[in-house]
Amino acid sequence: MTATAISLGVASVFATSLIGQSAQARTTTLSKQISRADLQITPREDEALDARWLDAVCTHSDVALASPQVVHTTALKPSGASLIIPGAKLLQ
């Protein structure tokens, strides 16, 4: 019984370690993909960008990955700071 309990404990620690390593590797891969952006489309000052732009960019044959960012000015300190929320398909 004791040997079985110890084996299960060791297996649980090992599995948790593997899951953590996998999550860290995926996070690293995603951050590298985001930081290699070739093009950024932004609206003019005080204007909103039409959501149809995302569809046009996503369907273009030369685009491998398109990821929108929503930028919103908040009341956080310092005054006028931007809050960037990366996400996938937020505008649909």
N, C-alpha and C. Protein backbone atom coordinates (compact mmCIF):
# COMPACT_ATOMS: atom_id res chain seq x y z
N MET A 1 0.81 -1.19 0.00
CA MET A 1 0.00 0.00 0.00
C MET A 1 0.86 1.27 0.00
N THR A 2 1.87 1.27 0.85
CA THR A 2 2.72 2.45 0.95
C THR A 2 3.47 2.68 -0.35
N ALA A 3 3.96 1.62 -0.96
CA ALA A 3 4.69 1.75 -2.22
C ALA A 3 3.78 2.29 -3.32
N THR A 4 2.54 1.86 -3.33
CA THR A 4 1.58 2.34 -4.32
C THR A 4 1.30 3.83 -4.12
N ALA A 5 1.14 4.24 -2.88
CA ALA A 5 0.88 5.65 -2.58
C ALA A 5 2.08 6.52 -2.98
N ILE A 6 3.27 6.05 -2.70
CA ILE A 6 4.48 6.79 -3.07
C ILE A 6 4.58 6.88 -4.59
N SER A 7 4.31 5.78 -5.27
CA SER A 7 4.37 5.77 -6.74
C SER A 7 3.37 6.75 -7.33
N LEU A 8 2.15 6.77 -6.79
CA LEU A 8 1.14 7.72 -7.28
C LEU A 8 1.56 9.16 -7.01
N GLY A 9 2.15 9.41 -5.88
CA GLY A 9 2.63 10.75 -5.56
C GLY A 9 3.71 11.21 -6.50
N VAL A 10 4.68 10.33 -6.77
CA VAL A 10 5.76 10.65 -7.70
C VAL A 10 5.21 10.88 -9.11
N ALA A 11 4.27 10.04 -9.52
CA ALA A 11 3.66 10.18 -10.85
C ALA A 11 2.91 11.51 -10.96
N SER A 12 2.23 11.91 -9.88
CA SER A 12 1.49 13.18 -9.89
C SER A 12 2.45 14.36 -10.01
N VAL A 13 3.54 14.33 -9.28
CA VAL A 13 4.54 15.41 -9.36
C VAL A 13 5.13 15.47 -10.76
N PHE A 14 5.45 14.32 -11.33
CA PHE A 14 6.02 14.26 -12.68
C PHE A 14 5.03 14.82 -13.71
N ALA A 15 3.75 14.42 -13.60
CA ALA A 15 2.73 14.89 -14.54
C ALA A 15 2.54 16.40 -14.42
N THR A 16 2.53 16.91 -13.20
CA THR A 16 2.38 18.34 -12.99
C THR A 16 3.56 19.10 -13.60
N SER A 17 4.74 18.55 -13.46
CA SER A 17 5.94 19.17 -14.03
C SER A 17 5.85 19.21 -15.56
N LEU A 18 5.40 18.12 -16.16
CA LEU A 18 5.26 18.08 -17.62
C LEU A 18 4.23 19.09 -18.12
N ILE A 19 3.12 19.21 -17.40
CA ILE A 19 2.08 20.16 -17.79
C ILE A 19 2.62 21.59 -17.70
N GLY A 20 3.36 21.89 -16.64
CA GLY A 20 3.96 23.22 -16.49
C GLY A 20 4.94 23.54 -17.59
N GLN A 21 5.77 22.56 -17.95
CA GLN A 21 6.75 22.77 -19.02
C GLN A 21 6.06 22.99 -20.35
N SER A 22 5.00 22.24 -20.61
CA SER A 22 4.25 22.39 -21.85
C SER A 22 3.59 23.76 -21.94
N ALA A 23 3.00 24.21 -20.84
CA ALA A 23 2.35 25.53 -20.83
C ALA A 23 3.38 26.63 -21.03
N GLN A 24 4.54 26.50 -20.42
CA GLN A 24 5.58 27.51 -20.57
C GLN A 24 6.10 27.54 -22.01
N ALA A 25 6.26 26.38 -22.63
CA ALA A 25 6.72 26.32 -24.02
C ALA A 25 5.70 26.97 -24.95
N ARG A 26 4.42 26.72 -24.72
CA ARG A 26 3.37 27.30 -25.56
C ARG A 26 3.33 28.82 -25.40
N THR A 27 3.47 29.30 -24.18
CA THR A 27 3.48 30.73 -23.92
C THR A 27 4.66 31.40 -24.62
N THR A 28 5.81 30.76 -24.58
CA THR A 28 7.00 31.30 -25.24
C THR A 28 6.78 31.36 -26.75
N THR A 29 6.20 30.32 -27.32
CA THR A 29 5.93 30.29 -28.75
C THR A 29 4.97 31.40 -29.15
N LEU A 30 3.90 31.58 -28.38
CA LEU A 30 2.93 32.63 -28.69
C LEU A 30 3.55 34.02 -28.59
N SER A 31 4.36 34.24 -27.58
CA SER A 31 4.97 35.57 -27.44
C SER A 31 5.93 35.86 -28.59
N LYS A 32 6.62 34.84 -29.08
CA LYS A 32 7.51 35.04 -30.23
C LYS A 32 6.71 35.35 -31.49
N GLN A 33 5.55 34.70 -31.66
CA GLN A 33 4.71 34.96 -32.82
C GLN A 33 4.18 36.39 -32.79
N ILE A 34 3.75 36.84 -31.64
CA ILE A 34 3.19 38.19 -31.52
C ILE A 34 4.25 39.24 -31.76
N SER A 35 5.46 38.99 -31.27
CA SER A 35 6.51 40.00 -31.40
C SER A 35 7.08 40.09 -32.81
N ARG A 36 6.74 39.16 -33.69
CA ARG A 36 7.25 39.19 -35.06
C ARG A 36 6.25 39.79 -36.04
N ALA A 37 5.41 40.67 -35.59
CA ALA A 37 4.40 41.26 -36.47
C ALA A 37 5.07 42.04 -37.60
N ASP A 38 4.59 41.80 -38.81
CA ASP A 38 5.12 42.50 -39.97
C ASP A 38 4.33 43.76 -40.29
N LEU A 39 3.10 43.82 -39.83
CA LEU A 39 2.22 44.93 -40.17
C LEU A 39 1.27 45.19 -39.01
N GLN A 40 1.03 46.46 -38.75
CA GLN A 40 0.05 46.85 -37.74
C GLN A 40 -0.85 47.90 -38.37
N ILE A 41 -2.15 47.69 -38.29
CA ILE A 41 -3.12 48.62 -38.86
C ILE A 41 -3.78 49.35 -37.70
N THR A 42 -3.71 50.67 -37.70
CA THR A 42 -4.30 51.47 -36.64
C THR A 42 -5.18 52.56 -37.24
N PRO A 43 -6.22 52.96 -36.53
CA PRO A 43 -7.08 54.05 -37.04
C PRO A 43 -6.43 55.40 -36.82
N ARG A 44 -6.99 56.40 -37.45
CA ARG A 44 -6.53 57.76 -37.20
C ARG A 44 -6.90 58.15 -35.77
N GLU A 45 -6.31 59.23 -35.32
CA GLU A 45 -6.56 59.68 -33.94
C GLU A 45 -8.05 59.89 -33.69
N ASP A 46 -8.53 59.41 -32.56
CA ASP A 46 -9.93 59.55 -32.12
C ASP A 46 -10.94 58.90 -33.06
N GLU A 47 -10.52 57.93 -33.84
CA GLU A 47 -11.44 57.20 -34.71
C GLU A 47 -11.40 55.72 -34.36
N ALA A 48 -12.46 55.02 -34.69
CA ALA A 48 -12.51 53.57 -34.50
C ALA A 48 -12.18 52.88 -35.81
N LEU A 49 -11.54 51.76 -35.72
CA LEU A 49 -11.21 50.98 -36.91
C LEU A 49 -12.37 50.03 -37.19
N ASP A 50 -12.85 50.05 -38.40
CA ASP A 50 -13.97 49.19 -38.80
C ASP A 50 -13.59 47.73 -38.65
N ALA A 51 -14.46 46.94 -38.04
CA ALA A 51 -14.20 45.52 -37.80
C ALA A 51 -14.05 44.73 -39.09
N ARG A 52 -14.55 45.25 -40.19
CA ARG A 52 -14.42 44.54 -41.47
C ARG A 52 -12.97 44.45 -41.91
N TRP A 53 -12.10 45.32 -41.38
CA TRP A 53 -10.68 45.24 -41.72
C TRP A 53 -10.09 43.90 -41.28
N LEU A 54 -10.50 43.42 -40.12
CA LEU A 54 -9.99 42.15 -39.62
C LEU A 54 -10.35 41.02 -40.58
N ASP A 55 -11.58 41.01 -41.06
CA ASP A 55 -11.98 39.98 -42.03
C ASP A 55 -11.17 40.08 -43.31
N ALA A 56 -10.96 41.30 -43.77
CA ALA A 56 -10.19 41.49 -45.00
C ALA A 56 -8.75 41.01 -44.83
N VAL A 57 -8.16 41.31 -43.70
CA VAL A 57 -6.78 40.90 -43.45
C VAL A 57 -6.69 39.38 -43.27
N CYS A 58 -7.61 38.79 -42.51
CA CYS A 58 -7.59 37.34 -42.26
C CYS A 58 -7.74 36.52 -43.53
N THR A 59 -8.51 37.02 -44.48
CA THR A 59 -8.75 36.25 -45.70
C THR A 59 -7.71 36.48 -46.79
N HIS A 60 -6.78 37.42 -46.56
CA HIS A 60 -5.74 37.69 -47.55
C HIS A 60 -4.79 36.50 -47.64
N SER A 61 -4.40 36.12 -48.84
CA SER A 61 -3.58 34.92 -49.06
C SER A 61 -2.17 35.03 -48.47
N ASP A 62 -1.66 36.23 -48.30
CA ASP A 62 -0.30 36.41 -47.77
C ASP A 62 -0.25 36.51 -46.24
N VAL A 63 -1.40 36.44 -45.57
CA VAL A 63 -1.45 36.57 -44.12
C VAL A 63 -1.52 35.20 -43.48
N ALA A 64 -0.51 34.89 -42.66
CA ALA A 64 -0.48 33.60 -41.96
C ALA A 64 -1.26 33.67 -40.66
N LEU A 65 -1.20 34.80 -39.96
CA LEU A 65 -1.85 34.94 -38.66
C LEU A 65 -2.24 36.40 -38.45
N ALA A 66 -3.47 36.64 -38.07
CA ALA A 66 -3.92 37.99 -37.75
C ALA A 66 -4.52 37.98 -36.35
N SER A 67 -4.08 38.91 -35.52
CA SER A 67 -4.54 38.96 -34.14
C SER A 67 -4.88 40.40 -33.78
N PRO A 68 -6.14 40.66 -33.44
CA PRO A 68 -6.53 42.03 -33.11
C PRO A 68 -6.09 42.43 -31.70
N GLN A 69 -5.93 43.72 -31.49
CA GLN A 69 -5.69 44.28 -30.17
C GLN A 69 -6.71 45.37 -29.95
N VAL A 70 -7.30 45.38 -28.77
CA VAL A 70 -8.22 46.44 -28.40
C VAL A 70 -7.47 47.35 -27.44
N VAL A 71 -7.35 48.63 -27.81
CA VAL A 71 -6.66 49.61 -26.97
C VAL A 71 -7.71 50.58 -26.45
N HIS A 72 -7.74 50.74 -25.14
CA HIS A 72 -8.74 51.60 -24.50
C HIS A 72 -8.05 52.49 -23.47
N THR A 73 -8.30 53.78 -23.53
CA THR A 73 -7.73 54.69 -22.53
C THR A 73 -8.51 54.55 -21.24
N THR A 74 -7.80 54.40 -20.14
CA THR A 74 -8.43 54.15 -18.84
C THR A 74 -8.12 55.27 -17.85
N ALA A 75 -8.71 55.17 -16.68
CA ALA A 75 -8.45 56.13 -15.61
C ALA A 75 -7.34 55.64 -14.69
N LEU A 76 -6.58 54.65 -15.13
CA LEU A 76 -5.49 54.13 -14.33
C LEU A 76 -4.36 55.13 -14.26
N LYS A 77 -3.53 55.00 -13.26
CA LYS A 77 -2.35 55.86 -13.13
C LYS A 77 -1.22 55.24 -13.91
N PRO A 78 -0.42 55.93 -14.65
CA PRO A 78 -0.47 57.36 -14.88
C PRO A 78 -1.63 57.74 -15.79
N SER A 79 -2.04 58.95 -15.71
CA SER A 79 -3.16 59.45 -16.49
C SER A 79 -2.94 59.23 -17.98
N GLY A 80 -3.97 58.71 -18.66
CA GLY A 80 -3.87 58.49 -20.10
C GLY A 80 -3.18 57.19 -20.48
N ALA A 81 -2.95 56.29 -19.52
CA ALA A 81 -2.30 55.02 -19.81
C ALA A 81 -3.21 54.18 -20.70
N SER A 82 -2.63 53.31 -21.51
CA SER A 82 -3.40 52.44 -22.40
C SER A 82 -3.49 51.04 -21.83
N LEU A 83 -4.62 50.41 -22.01
CA LEU A 83 -4.83 49.03 -21.61
C LEU A 83 -4.92 48.21 -22.88
N ILE A 84 -3.99 47.29 -23.10
CA ILE A 84 -3.97 46.48 -24.31
C ILE A 84 -4.42 45.07 -23.94
N ILE A 85 -5.46 44.59 -24.60
CA ILE A 85 -6.00 43.26 -24.35
C ILE A 85 -5.83 42.44 -25.61
N PRO A 86 -4.77 41.60 -25.69
CA PRO A 86 -4.62 40.78 -26.89
C PRO A 86 -5.64 39.65 -26.87
N GLY A 87 -6.14 39.31 -28.03
CA GLY A 87 -7.10 38.23 -28.12
C GLY A 87 -7.30 37.81 -29.55
N ALA A 88 -8.04 36.77 -29.72
CA ALA A 88 -8.31 36.24 -31.05
C ALA A 88 -9.78 36.43 -31.37
N LYS A 89 -10.06 37.03 -32.49
CA LYS A 89 -11.41 37.20 -32.99
C LYS A 89 -12.31 37.96 -32.00
N LEU A 90 -11.78 38.98 -31.35
CA LEU A 90 -12.56 39.76 -30.41
C LEU A 90 -13.65 40.59 -31.10
N LEU A 91 -13.42 40.91 -32.35
CA LEU A 91 -14.34 41.81 -33.04
C LEU A 91 -15.46 41.10 -33.75
N GLN A 92 -15.54 39.79 -33.63
CA GLN A 92 -16.61 39.07 -34.32
C GLN A 92 -17.72 38.74 -33.37
